[in-house]
Amino acid sequence: MPVIRPRRLRQTPAFRAIARQTRVHPNELILPAFVREGIGAPVEISSMPGVVQHTLDSLRRAAVDAADAGVGGIMLFGVPAVRDAMGTGATDPDGILNVATAAVVAEVGDALVVQTDLCLDEFTDHGHCGVLDARGHVDNDATLERYADMAIAQAEAGSRLVGMSGMMDGQVAVAREALDAAGHQGIAILAYSAKYASAFYGPFREAVDSQLQGDRRTYQLDPANGREGLREAALDLAEGADVVMVKPAMPYLDVLAGVAASSPVPVWAYQVSGEYAMLEAAARNGWIDRDAAIAEAVLGIRRAGADAVLTYHATELALALRG
């Protein structure tokens, strides 16, 4: 008969609770939210049931709901009515993302960490994350100049953390230098360090009305390369990132664990649109227990090493965690 019986610690709910090694708290969740210019009511995103493109008014309400649920932060993405090759709407003080940022900050203040996506893809008519050169390729260094201006514009709109999601070489250092020179030393930088060229971004393209032709494989990471994600995180740390991130989350838990094991700063993970859509689709077909699967998926991301998780289920899950 066995002497060592691990089941002893699983006998009752109380035993399981006291032996639990990983927990999720509402303030470890961050809600990504889309705000679209020129609409009079929220627009449903067909590939992401339950998620909408917000108006300014509905975005304010969503921010309040998130804060009331105990969510830690909100990450804002803008969907402009007009785009151009340089993505000029991204740095316009009257552009949708900057206006929305100011509106959310005015609504919830410091109850949430108001964060902004710092990337050109939503604002360019070609859908790429940077400026194109004469050959139609993304020009890394010309893009960095735009990112510097974006960082200042977002800080002046009230963002407390800028999310560098464009995967340009040197982007964290350029943003840090620009922010500091403009007197915004207190604005934090989130580096999307290990952002992979993933098939799981599909629904997001609908959410931001992406104009992308082709793909982003020349700047986002090859899904086959785990060590490259660790290298990118190390480079971003050396450039002064305050937080580093792995994106997507569940298909890259090995990368997440590796980054978490070596990072001296918080490590976040983004449960992306395709992950959300799969959970919702399976639940709607009756194939999984929706609420249990949502909770387990985020728990798994936390267990792999994420200090916080960006998830479209953030407000709902926070309420459930609070009972």
C-alpha atoms as a PDB file:
ATOM      1  CA  MET A   1       0.000   0.000   0.000  1.00  0.00           C
ATOM      2  CA  PRO A   2       1.317   3.494  -0.785  1.00  0.00           C
ATOM      3  CA  VAL A   3       2.697   5.644   2.015  1.00  0.00           C
ATOM      4  CA  ILE A   4       2.905   8.824  -0.053  1.00  0.00           C
ATOM      5  CA  ARG A   5      -0.641   9.822  -0.943  1.00  0.00           C
ATOM      6  CA  PRO A   6      -0.922  13.208  -2.701  1.00  0.00           C
ATOM      7  CA  ARG A   7      -4.693  12.788  -2.697  1.00  0.00           C
ATOM      8  CA  ARG A   8      -4.730  13.676   1.004  1.00  0.00           C
ATOM      9  CA  LEU A   9      -4.557  17.345   0.037  1.00  0.00           C
ATOM     10  CA  ARG A  10      -7.423  17.040  -2.454  1.00  0.00           C
ATOM     11  CA  GLN A  11     -10.075  15.501  -0.221  1.00  0.00           C
ATOM     12  CA  THR A  12     -12.271  18.540   0.419  1.00  0.00           C
ATOM     13  CA  PRO A  13     -12.775  22.046  -1.000  1.00  0.00           C
ATOM     14  CA  ALA A  14     -11.024  23.435   2.095  1.00  0.00           C
ATOM     15  CA  PHE A  15      -7.988  21.178   1.584  1.00  0.00           C
ATOM     16  CA  ARG A  16      -7.794  22.084  -2.096  1.00  0.00           C
ATOM     17  CA  ALA A  17      -8.027  25.789  -1.298  1.00  0.00           C
ATOM     18  CA  ILE A  18      -5.312  25.761   1.349  1.00  0.00           C
ATOM     19  CA  ALA A  19      -2.962  23.757  -0.910  1.00  0.00           C
ATOM     20  CA  ARG A  20      -3.584  25.898  -3.982  1.00  0.00           C
ATOM     21  CA  GLN A  21      -0.346  27.145  -5.536  1.00  0.00           C
ATOM     22  CA  THR A  22      -1.623  29.741  -8.015  1.00  0.00           C
ATOM     23  CA  ARG A  23      -4.442  32.239  -7.624  1.00  0.00           C
ATOM     24  CA  VAL A  24      -5.968  34.919  -9.813  1.00  0.00           C
ATOM     25  CA  HIS A  25      -6.949  38.256  -8.342  1.00  0.00           C
ATOM     26  CA  PRO A  26      -9.143  40.798 -10.171  1.00  0.00           C
ATOM     27  CA  ASN A  27      -6.408  43.447 -10.134  1.00  0.00           C
ATOM     28  CA  GLU A  28      -4.173  41.091 -12.133  1.00  0.00           C
ATOM     29  CA  LEU A  29      -6.570  41.399 -15.072  1.00  0.00           C
ATOM     30  CA  ILE A  30      -6.434  44.067 -17.774  1.00  0.00           C
ATOM     31  CA  LEU A  31      -9.325  44.762 -20.142  1.00  0.00           C
ATOM     32  CA  PRO A  32      -8.485  45.518 -23.804  1.00  0.00           C
ATOM     33  CA  ALA A  33     -11.124  47.861 -25.286  1.00  0.00           C
ATOM     34  CA  PHE A  34     -11.785  49.256 -28.756  1.00  0.00           C
ATOM     35  CA  VAL A  35     -13.178  52.732 -29.416  1.00  0.00           C
ATOM     36  CA  ARG A  36     -14.324  53.676 -32.900  1.00  0.00           C
ATOM     37  CA  GLU A  37     -14.693  57.132 -34.350  1.00  0.00           C
ATOM     38  CA  GLY A  38     -17.937  58.225 -36.003  1.00  0.00           C
ATOM     39  CA  ILE A  39     -20.453  55.710 -34.633  1.00  0.00           C
ATOM     40  CA  GLY A  40     -23.577  56.514 -32.637  1.00  0.00           C
ATOM     41  CA  ALA A  41     -23.896  53.190 -30.814  1.00  0.00           C
ATOM     42  CA  PRO A  42     -21.570  50.300 -29.970  1.00  0.00           C
ATOM     43  CA  VAL A  43     -20.895  47.935 -32.885  1.00  0.00           C
ATOM     44  CA  GLU A  44     -20.779  44.196 -32.236  1.00  0.00           C
ATOM     45  CA  ILE A  45     -17.657  42.365 -33.405  1.00  0.00           C
ATOM     46  CA  SER A  46     -19.028  39.258 -35.090  1.00  0.00           C
ATOM     47  CA  SER A  47     -15.937  37.107 -34.507  1.00  0.00           C
ATOM     48  CA  MET A  48     -15.758  38.106 -30.823  1.00  0.00           C
ATOM     49  CA  PRO A  49     -19.234  37.599 -29.337  1.00  0.00           C
ATOM     50  CA  GLY A  50     -19.783  39.964 -26.428  1.00  0.00           C
ATOM     51  CA  VAL A  51     -17.044  42.406 -27.478  1.00  0.00           C
ATOM     52  CA  VAL A  52     -17.857  45.693 -29.215  1.00  0.00           C
ATOM     53  CA  GLN A  53     -16.319  48.696 -30.859  1.00  0.00           C
ATOM     54  CA  HIS A  54     -17.235  51.355 -28.312  1.00  0.00           C
ATOM     55  CA  THR A  55     -18.470  54.890 -28.627  1.00  0.00           C
ATOM     56  CA  LEU A  56     -16.878  57.340 -26.218  1.00  0.00           C
ATOM     57  CA  ASP A  57     -19.926  57.073 -23.957  1.00  0.00           C
ATOM     58  CA  SER A  58     -20.018  53.279 -23.899  1.00  0.00           C
ATOM     59  CA  LEU A  59     -16.245  53.182 -23.358  1.00  0.00           C
ATOM     60  CA  ARG A  60     -16.636  55.365 -20.290  1.00  0.00           C
ATOM     61  CA  ARG A  61     -19.276  52.987 -18.942  1.00  0.00           C
ATOM     62  CA  ALA A  62     -17.084  49.967 -19.663  1.00  0.00           C
ATOM     63  CA  ALA A  63     -14.197  51.604 -17.814  1.00  0.00           C
ATOM     64  CA  VAL A  64     -16.390  52.305 -14.794  1.00  0.00           C
ATOM     65  CA  ASP A  65     -17.697  48.735 -14.828  1.00  0.00           C
ATOM     66  CA  ALA A  66     -14.142  47.400 -14.952  1.00  0.00           C
ATOM     67  CA  ALA A  67     -13.036  49.616 -12.088  1.00  0.00           C
ATOM     68  CA  ASP A  68     -16.058  48.631 -10.006  1.00  0.00           C
ATOM     69  CA  ALA A  69     -15.241  44.951 -10.611  1.00  0.00           C
ATOM     70  CA  GLY A  70     -11.699  45.463  -9.342  1.00  0.00           C
ATOM     71  CA  VAL A  71      -9.936  45.067 -12.708  1.00  0.00           C
ATOM     72  CA  GLY A  72      -6.406  46.446 -12.640  1.00  0.00           C
ATOM     73  CA  GLY A  73      -6.193  48.270 -15.956  1.00  0.00           C
ATOM     74  CA  ILE A  74      -7.703  49.036 -19.328  1.00  0.00           C
ATOM     75  CA  MET A  75      -5.770  48.974 -22.621  1.00  0.00           C
ATOM     76  CA  LEU A  76      -7.239  51.252 -25.285  1.00  0.00           C
ATOM     77  CA  PHE A  77      -7.193  50.719 -29.053  1.00  0.00           C
ATOM     78  CA  GLY A  78      -8.469  53.394 -31.435  1.00  0.00           C
ATOM     79  CA  VAL A  79     -10.324  52.828 -34.704  1.00  0.00           C
ATOM     80  CA  PRO A  80     -10.218  56.042 -36.743  1.00  0.00           C
ATOM     81  CA  ALA A  81     -12.617  57.086 -39.485  1.00  0.00           C
ATOM     82  CA  VAL A  82      -9.796  58.236 -41.790  1.00  0.00           C
ATOM     83  CA  ARG A  83      -6.387  56.667 -42.339  1.00  0.00           C
ATOM     84  CA  ASP A  84      -3.290  57.641 -44.289  1.00  0.00           C
ATOM     85  CA  ALA A  85       0.153  56.283 -45.088  1.00  0.00           C
ATOM     86  CA  MET A  86       1.825  57.897 -42.062  1.00  0.00           C
ATOM     87  CA  GLY A  87      -0.936  57.186 -39.573  1.00  0.00           C
ATOM     88  CA  THR A  88      -1.207  60.850 -38.675  1.00  0.00           C
ATOM     89  CA  GLY A  89      -4.350  60.261 -36.627  1.00  0.00           C
ATOM     90  CA  ALA A  90      -2.188  58.519 -34.041  1.00  0.00           C
ATOM     91  CA  THR A  91      -0.466  61.760 -33.051  1.00  0.00           C
ATOM     92  CA  ASP A  92      -3.396  64.133 -33.547  1.00  0.00           C
ATOM     93  CA  PRO A  93      -4.568  65.420 -30.138  1.00  0.00           C
ATOM     94  CA  ASP A  94      -8.090  65.240 -31.568  1.00  0.00           C
ATOM     95  CA  GLY A  95      -7.561  61.684 -32.881  1.00  0.00           C
ATOM     96  CA  ILE A  96      -9.904  59.044 -31.529  1.00  0.00           C
ATOM     97  CA  LEU A  97      -7.392  57.225 -29.336  1.00  0.00           C
ATOM     98  CA  ASN A  98      -6.073  60.363 -27.668  1.00  0.00           C
ATOM     99  CA  VAL A  99      -9.560  61.776 -27.136  1.00  0.00           C
ATOM    100  CA  ALA A 100     -10.734  58.453 -25.707  1.00  0.00           C
ATOM    101  CA  THR A 101      -7.737  58.279 -23.391  1.00  0.00           C
ATOM    102  CA  ALA A 102      -8.529  61.683 -21.938  1.00  0.00           C
ATOM    103  CA  ALA A 103     -12.185  60.703 -21.550  1.00  0.00           C
ATOM    104  CA  VAL A 104     -11.397  57.481 -19.694  1.00  0.00           C
ATOM    105  CA  VAL A 105      -8.866  59.163 -17.420  1.00  0.00           C
ATOM    106  CA  ALA A 106     -11.444  61.818 -16.578  1.00  0.00           C
ATOM    107  CA  GLU A 107     -13.989  59.104 -15.822  1.00  0.00           C
ATOM    108  CA  VAL A 108     -12.004  56.664 -13.696  1.00  0.00           C
ATOM    109  CA  GLY A 109      -8.874  58.600 -12.715  1.00  0.00           C
ATOM    110  CA  ASP A 110      -6.450  56.289 -10.954  1.00  0.00           C
ATOM    111  CA  ALA A 111      -9.037  53.578 -10.224  1.00  0.00           C
ATOM    112  CA  LEU A 112      -7.643  51.831 -13.308  1.00  0.00           C
ATOM    113  CA  VAL A 113      -4.212  52.014 -14.910  1.00  0.00           C
ATOM    114  CA  VAL A 114      -5.206  53.610 -18.222  1.00  0.00           C
ATOM    115  CA  GLN A 115      -2.994  52.198 -20.956  1.00  0.00           C
ATOM    116  CA  THR A 116      -2.725  52.890 -24.674  1.00  0.00           C
ATOM    117  CA  ASP A 117      -1.661  50.831 -27.657  1.00  0.00           C
ATOM    118  CA  LEU A 118       1.341  52.515 -29.242  1.00  0.00           C
ATOM    119  CA  CYS A 119       1.332  51.204 -32.792  1.00  0.00           C
ATOM    120  CA  LEU A 120       0.493  52.596 -36.214  1.00  0.00           C
ATOM    121  CA  ASP A 121      -1.438  49.665 -37.650  1.00  0.00           C
ATOM    122  CA  GLU A 122      -4.888  50.967 -36.693  1.00  0.00           C
ATOM    123  CA  PHE A 123      -4.079  54.362 -38.223  1.00  0.00           C
ATOM    124  CA  THR A 124      -2.374  53.503 -41.520  1.00  0.00           C
ATOM    125  CA  ASP A 125      -4.179  52.922 -44.806  1.00  0.00           C
ATOM    126  CA  HIS A 126      -1.852  49.982 -45.528  1.00  0.00           C
ATOM    127  CA  GLY A 127      -2.411  48.349 -42.144  1.00  0.00           C
ATOM    128  CA  HIS A 128       1.244  47.870 -41.247  1.00  0.00           C
ATOM    129  CA  CYS A 129       2.678  48.793 -37.868  1.00  0.00           C
ATOM    130  CA  GLY A 130       5.118  51.264 -39.353  1.00  0.00           C
ATOM    131  CA  VAL A 131       6.010  53.661 -42.138  1.00  0.00           C
ATOM    132  CA  LEU A 132       6.673  52.096 -45.536  1.00  0.00           C
ATOM    133  CA  ASP A 133       9.699  52.845 -47.683  1.00  0.00           C
ATOM    134  CA  ALA A 134       9.729  53.248 -51.483  1.00  0.00           C
ATOM    135  CA  ARG A 135       9.738  49.466 -51.937  1.00  0.00           C
ATOM    136  CA  GLY A 136       6.731  48.986 -49.709  1.00  0.00           C
ATOM    137  CA  HIS A 137       8.744  47.536 -46.839  1.00  0.00           C
ATOM    138  CA  VAL A 138       8.373  48.688 -43.241  1.00  0.00           C
ATOM    139  CA  ASP A 139      11.109  51.238 -42.505  1.00  0.00           C
ATOM    140  CA  ASN A 140      12.220  50.519 -38.949  1.00  0.00           C
ATOM    141  CA  ASP A 141      13.996  53.798 -38.187  1.00  0.00           C
ATOM    142  CA  ALA A 142      11.456  56.080 -39.855  1.00  0.00           C
ATOM    143  CA  THR A 143       8.811  54.296 -37.815  1.00  0.00           C
ATOM    144  CA  LEU A 144      10.722  54.978 -34.602  1.00  0.00           C
ATOM    145  CA  GLU A 145      10.344  58.705 -35.230  1.00  0.00           C
ATOM    146  CA  ARG A 146       6.571  58.269 -35.409  1.00  0.00           C
ATOM    147  CA  TYR A 147       6.588  56.153 -32.250  1.00  0.00           C
ATOM    148  CA  ALA A 148       8.434  58.885 -30.355  1.00  0.00           C
ATOM    149  CA  ASP A 149       5.745  61.380 -31.325  1.00  0.00           C
ATOM    150  CA  MET A 150       3.004  58.909 -30.441  1.00  0.00           C
ATOM    151  CA  ALA A 151       4.462  58.313 -27.000  1.00  0.00           C
ATOM    152  CA  ILE A 152       4.376  62.027 -26.233  1.00  0.00           C
ATOM    153  CA  ALA A 153       0.860  62.439 -27.637  1.00  0.00           C
ATOM    154  CA  GLN A 154      -0.466  59.556 -25.568  1.00  0.00           C
ATOM    155  CA  ALA A 155       1.228  60.776 -22.403  1.00  0.00           C
ATOM    156  CA  GLU A 156      -0.226  64.238 -22.902  1.00  0.00           C
ATOM    157  CA  ALA A 157      -3.682  62.675 -23.351  1.00  0.00           C
ATOM    158  CA  GLY A 158      -3.314  61.064 -19.934  1.00  0.00           C
ATOM    159  CA  SER A 159      -2.049  57.535 -20.600  1.00  0.00           C
ATOM    160  CA  ARG A 160      -0.153  56.112 -17.650  1.00  0.00           C
ATOM    161  CA  LEU A 161       1.464  53.310 -19.648  1.00  0.00           C
ATOM    162  CA  VAL A 162       2.254  53.080 -23.360  1.00  0.00           C
ATOM    163  CA  GLY A 163       2.094  49.613 -24.912  1.00  0.00           C
ATOM    164  CA  MET A 164       4.821  49.269 -27.536  1.00  0.00           C
ATOM    165  CA  SER A 165       3.246  46.625 -29.775  1.00  0.00           C
ATOM    166  CA  GLY A 166       4.847  47.408 -33.147  1.00  0.00           C
ATOM    167  CA  MET A 167       7.931  45.162 -32.797  1.00  0.00           C
ATOM    168  CA  MET A 168      10.375  47.672 -34.248  1.00  0.00           C
ATOM    169  CA  ASP A 169      14.016  47.284 -33.213  1.00  0.00           C
ATOM    170  CA  GLY A 170      14.938  49.951 -30.654  1.00  0.00           C
ATOM    171  CA  GLN A 171      11.377  51.114 -29.998  1.00  0.00           C
ATOM    172  CA  VAL A 172      11.572  51.053 -26.194  1.00  0.00           C
ATOM    173  CA  ALA A 173      14.734  53.160 -26.053  1.00  0.00           C
ATOM    174  CA  VAL A 174      13.314  55.723 -28.466  1.00  0.00           C
ATOM    175  CA  ALA A 175      10.034  56.038 -26.558  1.00  0.00           C
ATOM    176  CA  ARG A 176      11.828  56.308 -23.211  1.00  0.00           C
ATOM    177  CA  GLU A 177      14.107  59.055 -24.503  1.00  0.00           C
ATOM    178  CA  ALA A 178      11.191  60.976 -26.032  1.00  0.00           C
ATOM    179  CA  LEU A 179       9.032  60.707 -22.919  1.00  0.00           C
ATOM    180  CA  ASP A 180      11.823  61.792 -20.606  1.00  0.00           C
ATOM    181  CA  ALA A 181      12.817  64.718 -22.807  1.00  0.00           C
ATOM    182  CA  ALA A 182       9.189  65.904 -22.830  1.00  0.00           C
ATOM    183  CA  GLY A 183       8.937  65.772 -19.034  1.00  0.00           C
ATOM    184  CA  HIS A 184       6.999  62.506 -18.847  1.00  0.00           C
ATOM    185  CA  GLN A 185       9.482  60.528 -16.773  1.00  0.00           C
ATOM    186  CA  GLY A 186       6.629  58.949 -14.796  1.00  0.00           C
ATOM    187  CA  ILE A 187       4.967  57.289 -17.789  1.00  0.00           C
ATOM    188  CA  ALA A 188       5.651  53.560 -17.866  1.00  0.00           C
ATOM    189  CA  ILE A 189       6.533  51.529 -20.946  1.00  0.00           C
ATOM    190  CA  LEU A 190       5.099  48.092 -21.657  1.00  0.00           C
ATOM    191  CA  ALA A 191       7.194  46.252 -24.232  1.00  0.00           C
ATOM    192  CA  TYR A 192       5.372  43.690 -26.347  1.00  0.00           C
ATOM    193  CA  SER A 193       8.685  41.842 -26.310  1.00  0.00           C
ATOM    194  CA  ALA A 194       7.741  38.380 -27.552  1.00  0.00           C
ATOM    195  CA  LYS A 195       4.966  39.177 -30.007  1.00  0.00           C
ATOM    196  CA  TYR A 196       4.593  36.367 -32.494  1.00  0.00           C
ATOM    197  CA  ALA A 197       3.272  36.435 -36.071  1.00  0.00           C
ATOM    198  CA  SER A 198       0.285  34.402 -35.004  1.00  0.00           C
ATOM    199  CA  ALA A 199      -2.819  33.012 -36.674  1.00  0.00           C
ATOM    200  CA  PHE A 200      -4.682  33.787 -33.447  1.00  0.00           C
ATOM    201  CA  TYR A 201      -4.986  37.516 -34.238  1.00  0.00           C
ATOM    202  CA  GLY A 202      -7.720  37.028 -36.833  1.00  0.00           C
ATOM    203  CA  PRO A 203     -10.689  38.450 -34.893  1.00  0.00           C
ATOM    204  CA  PHE A 204      -8.619  41.444 -33.786  1.00  0.00           C
ATOM    205  CA  ARG A 205      -8.301  42.448 -37.435  1.00  0.00           C
ATOM    206  CA  GLU A 206     -12.078  42.801 -37.560  1.00  0.00           C
ATOM    207  CA  ALA A 207     -12.101  44.667 -34.251  1.00  0.00           C
ATOM    208  CA  VAL A 208      -9.784  47.407 -35.539  1.00  0.00           C
ATOM    209  CA  ASP A 209     -11.023  47.282 -39.156  1.00  0.00           C
ATOM    210  CA  SER A 210      -7.500  46.405 -40.264  1.00  0.00           C
ATOM    211  CA  GLN A 211      -6.439  47.462 -43.758  1.00  0.00           C
ATOM    212  CA  LEU A 212      -3.512  45.047 -43.816  1.00  0.00           C
ATOM    213  CA  GLN A 213      -2.472  43.482 -47.084  1.00  0.00           C
ATOM    214  CA  GLY A 214       0.088  40.714 -46.694  1.00  0.00           C
ATOM    215  CA  ASP A 215       1.520  39.842 -43.295  1.00  0.00           C
ATOM    216  CA  ARG A 216       3.815  41.114 -40.528  1.00  0.00           C
ATOM    217  CA  ARG A 217       6.375  38.333 -40.540  1.00  0.00           C
ATOM    218  CA  THR A 218       9.315  40.662 -41.180  1.00  0.00           C
ATOM    219  CA  TYR A 219       8.892  42.248 -37.741  1.00  0.00           C
ATOM    220  CA  GLN A 220       6.796  39.920 -35.573  1.00  0.00           C
ATOM    221  CA  LEU A 221       8.459  36.740 -34.311  1.00  0.00           C
ATOM    222  CA  ASP A 222       8.427  33.385 -36.074  1.00  0.00           C
ATOM    223  CA  PRO A 223       6.154  31.025 -34.073  1.00  0.00           C
ATOM    224  CA  ALA A 224       8.893  28.380 -34.223  1.00  0.00           C
ATOM    225  CA  ASN A 225      11.403  30.456 -32.250  1.00  0.00           C
ATOM    226  CA  GLY A 226      11.181  30.220 -28.478  1.00  0.00           C
ATOM    227  CA  ARG A 227      14.684  31.482 -27.619  1.00  0.00           C
ATOM    228  CA  GLU A 228      14.184  34.511 -29.856  1.00  0.00           C
ATOM    229  CA  GLY A 229      11.369  35.627 -27.569  1.00  0.00           C
ATOM    230  CA  LEU A 230      13.746  35.529 -24.611  1.00  0.00           C
ATOM    231  CA  ARG A 231      16.296  37.544 -26.567  1.00  0.00           C
ATOM    232  CA  GLU A 232      13.738  40.209 -27.461  1.00  0.00           C
ATOM    233  CA  ALA A 233      12.707  40.501 -23.820  1.00  0.00           C
ATOM    234  CA  ALA A 234      16.332  40.917 -22.759  1.00  0.00           C
ATOM    235  CA  LEU A 235      16.839  43.686 -25.330  1.00  0.00           C
ATOM    236  CA  ASP A 236      13.717  45.527 -24.151  1.00  0.00           C
ATOM    237  CA  LEU A 237      14.846  45.272 -20.541  1.00  0.00           C
ATOM    238  CA  ALA A 238      18.210  46.738 -21.493  1.00  0.00           C
ATOM    239  CA  GLU A 239      16.395  49.640 -23.197  1.00  0.00           C
ATOM    240  CA  GLY A 240      14.415  50.444 -20.058  1.00  0.00           C
ATOM    241  CA  ALA A 241      11.088  48.607 -20.346  1.00  0.00           C
ATOM    242  CA  ASP A 242       9.053  48.745 -17.142  1.00  0.00           C
ATOM    243  CA  VAL A 243       6.978  45.693 -18.090  1.00  0.00           C
ATOM    244  CA  VAL A 244       7.544  43.014 -20.738  1.00  0.00           C
ATOM    245  CA  MET A 245       4.894  40.929 -22.449  1.00  0.00           C
ATOM    246  CA  VAL A 246       4.368  37.681 -24.323  1.00  0.00           C
ATOM    247  CA  LYS A 247       1.630  37.606 -26.990  1.00  0.00           C
ATOM    248  CA  PRO A 248      -0.351  35.404 -27.664  1.00  0.00           C
ATOM    249  CA  ALA A 249      -0.578  33.670 -24.306  1.00  0.00           C
ATOM    250  CA  MET A 250      -1.738  30.049 -24.370  1.00  0.00           C
ATOM    251  CA  PRO A 251       0.176  28.864 -27.488  1.00  0.00           C
ATOM    252  CA  TYR A 252       3.372  30.405 -26.036  1.00  0.00           C
ATOM    253  CA  LEU A 253       3.314  29.363 -22.378  1.00  0.00           C
ATOM    254  CA  ASP A 254       6.853  27.976 -22.731  1.00  0.00           C
ATOM    255  CA  VAL A 255       8.113  31.397 -23.817  1.00  0.00           C
ATOM    256  CA  LEU A 256       6.137  33.049 -21.035  1.00  0.00           C
ATOM    257  CA  ALA A 257       7.682  30.757 -18.442  1.00  0.00           C
ATOM    258  CA  GLY A 258      11.159  31.441 -19.793  1.00  0.00           C
ATOM    259  CA  VAL A 259      10.725  35.207 -19.762  1.00  0.00           C
ATOM    260  CA  ALA A 260       9.205  35.118 -16.272  1.00  0.00           C
ATOM    261  CA  ALA A 261      12.127  33.079 -14.952  1.00  0.00           C
ATOM    262  CA  SER A 262      14.659  35.727 -15.958  1.00  0.00           C
ATOM    263  CA  SER A 263      12.822  39.057 -15.869  1.00  0.00           C
ATOM    264  CA  PRO A 264      13.435  41.528 -13.011  1.00  0.00           C
ATOM    265  CA  VAL A 265      10.305  43.492 -14.014  1.00  0.00           C
ATOM    266  CA  PRO A 266       6.653  42.399 -14.222  1.00  0.00           C
ATOM    267  CA  VAL A 267       5.766  40.017 -17.044  1.00  0.00           C
ATOM    268  CA  TRP A 268       2.340  40.198 -18.641  1.00  0.00           C
ATOM    269  CA  ALA A 269       0.627  38.018 -21.230  1.00  0.00           C
ATOM    270  CA  TYR A 270      -2.128  38.830 -23.728  1.00  0.00           C
ATOM    271  CA  GLN A 271      -4.912  36.287 -24.176  1.00  0.00           C
ATOM    272  CA  VAL A 272      -5.603  37.405 -27.720  1.00  0.00           C
ATOM    273  CA  SER A 273      -8.750  37.619 -29.803  1.00  0.00           C
ATOM    274  CA  GLY A 274      -8.422  34.151 -31.314  1.00  0.00           C
ATOM    275  CA  GLU A 275      -8.081  32.586 -27.878  1.00  0.00           C
ATOM    276  CA  TYR A 276     -11.213  34.439 -26.761  1.00  0.00           C
ATOM    277  CA  ALA A 277     -13.112  33.455 -29.908  1.00  0.00           C
ATOM    278  CA  MET A 278     -12.266  29.764 -29.513  1.00  0.00           C
ATOM    279  CA  LEU A 279     -13.515  29.672 -25.929  1.00  0.00           C
ATOM    280  CA  GLU A 280     -16.731  31.459 -26.868  1.00  0.00           C
ATOM    281  CA  ALA A 281     -17.358  29.289 -29.936  1.00  0.00           C
ATOM    282  CA  ALA A 282     -16.801  26.043 -28.057  1.00  0.00           C
ATOM    283  CA  ALA A 283     -19.054  27.216 -25.237  1.00  0.00           C
ATOM    284  CA  ARG A 284     -21.835  28.232 -27.615  1.00  0.00           C
ATOM    285  CA  ASN A 285     -21.727  24.769 -29.141  1.00  0.00           C
ATOM    286  CA  GLY A 286     -22.038  23.195 -25.704  1.00  0.00           C
ATOM    287  CA  TRP A 287     -18.617  21.553 -25.932  1.00  0.00           C
ATOM    288  CA  ILE A 288     -17.115  23.104 -22.793  1.00  0.00           C
ATOM    289  CA  ASP A 289     -18.254  24.624 -19.524  1.00  0.00           C
ATOM    290  CA  ARG A 290     -17.837  28.282 -20.472  1.00  0.00           C
ATOM    291  CA  ASP A 291     -17.245  29.842 -17.058  1.00  0.00           C
ATOM    292  CA  ALA A 292     -14.932  27.081 -15.877  1.00  0.00           C
ATOM    293  CA  ALA A 293     -12.905  27.197 -19.115  1.00  0.00           C
ATOM    294  CA  ILE A 294     -12.494  30.985 -18.939  1.00  0.00           C
ATOM    295  CA  ALA A 295     -11.232  30.765 -15.367  1.00  0.00           C
ATOM    296  CA  GLU A 296      -8.940  27.816 -16.105  1.00  0.00           C
ATOM    297  CA  ALA A 297      -7.411  29.441 -19.171  1.00  0.00           C
ATOM    298  CA  VAL A 298      -6.423  32.575 -17.255  1.00  0.00           C
ATOM    299  CA  LEU A 299      -5.231  30.491 -14.301  1.00  0.00           C
ATOM    300  CA  GLY A 300      -2.957  28.548 -16.665  1.00  0.00           C
ATOM    301  CA  ILE A 301      -1.459  31.767 -17.995  1.00  0.00           C
ATOM    302  CA  ARG A 302      -0.835  32.992 -14.454  1.00  0.00           C
ATOM    303  CA  ARG A 303       0.668  29.625 -13.483  1.00  0.00           C
ATOM    304  CA  ALA A 304       3.116  29.850 -16.388  1.00  0.00           C
ATOM    305  CA  GLY A 305       4.462  33.093 -14.941  1.00  0.00           C
ATOM    306  CA  ALA A 306       2.301  36.039 -15.993  1.00  0.00           C
ATOM    307  CA  ASP A 307       1.977  38.694 -13.293  1.00  0.00           C
ATOM    308  CA  ALA A 308      -1.043  40.113 -15.120  1.00  0.00           C
ATOM    309  CA  VAL A 309      -3.192  38.990 -18.047  1.00  0.00           C
ATOM    310  CA  LEU A 310      -4.838  41.059 -20.753  1.00  0.00           C
ATOM    311  CA  THR A 311      -8.136  39.331 -21.464  1.00  0.00           C
ATOM    312  CA  TYR A 312     -11.441  40.358 -23.018  1.00  0.00           C
ATOM    313  CA  HIS A 313     -13.100  38.435 -20.188  1.00  0.00           C
ATOM    314  CA  ALA A 314     -11.478  40.693 -17.572  1.00  0.00           C
ATOM    315  CA  THR A 315     -14.553  42.394 -16.117  1.00  0.00           C
ATOM    316  CA  GLU A 316     -16.693  39.260 -16.172  1.00  0.00           C
ATOM    317  CA  LEU A 317     -13.961  37.144 -14.608  1.00  0.00           C
ATOM    318  CA  ALA A 318     -13.188  39.777 -11.970  1.00  0.00           C
ATOM    319  CA  LEU A 319     -16.826  39.769 -10.887  1.00  0.00           C
ATOM    320  CA  ALA A 320     -16.822  35.971 -10.705  1.00  0.00           C
ATOM    321  CA  LEU A 321     -13.628  35.960  -8.637  1.00  0.00           C
ATOM    322  CA  ARG A 322     -15.250  38.342  -6.188  1.00  0.00           C
ATOM    323  CA  GLY A 323     -18.106  35.893  -5.727  1.00  0.00           C
END
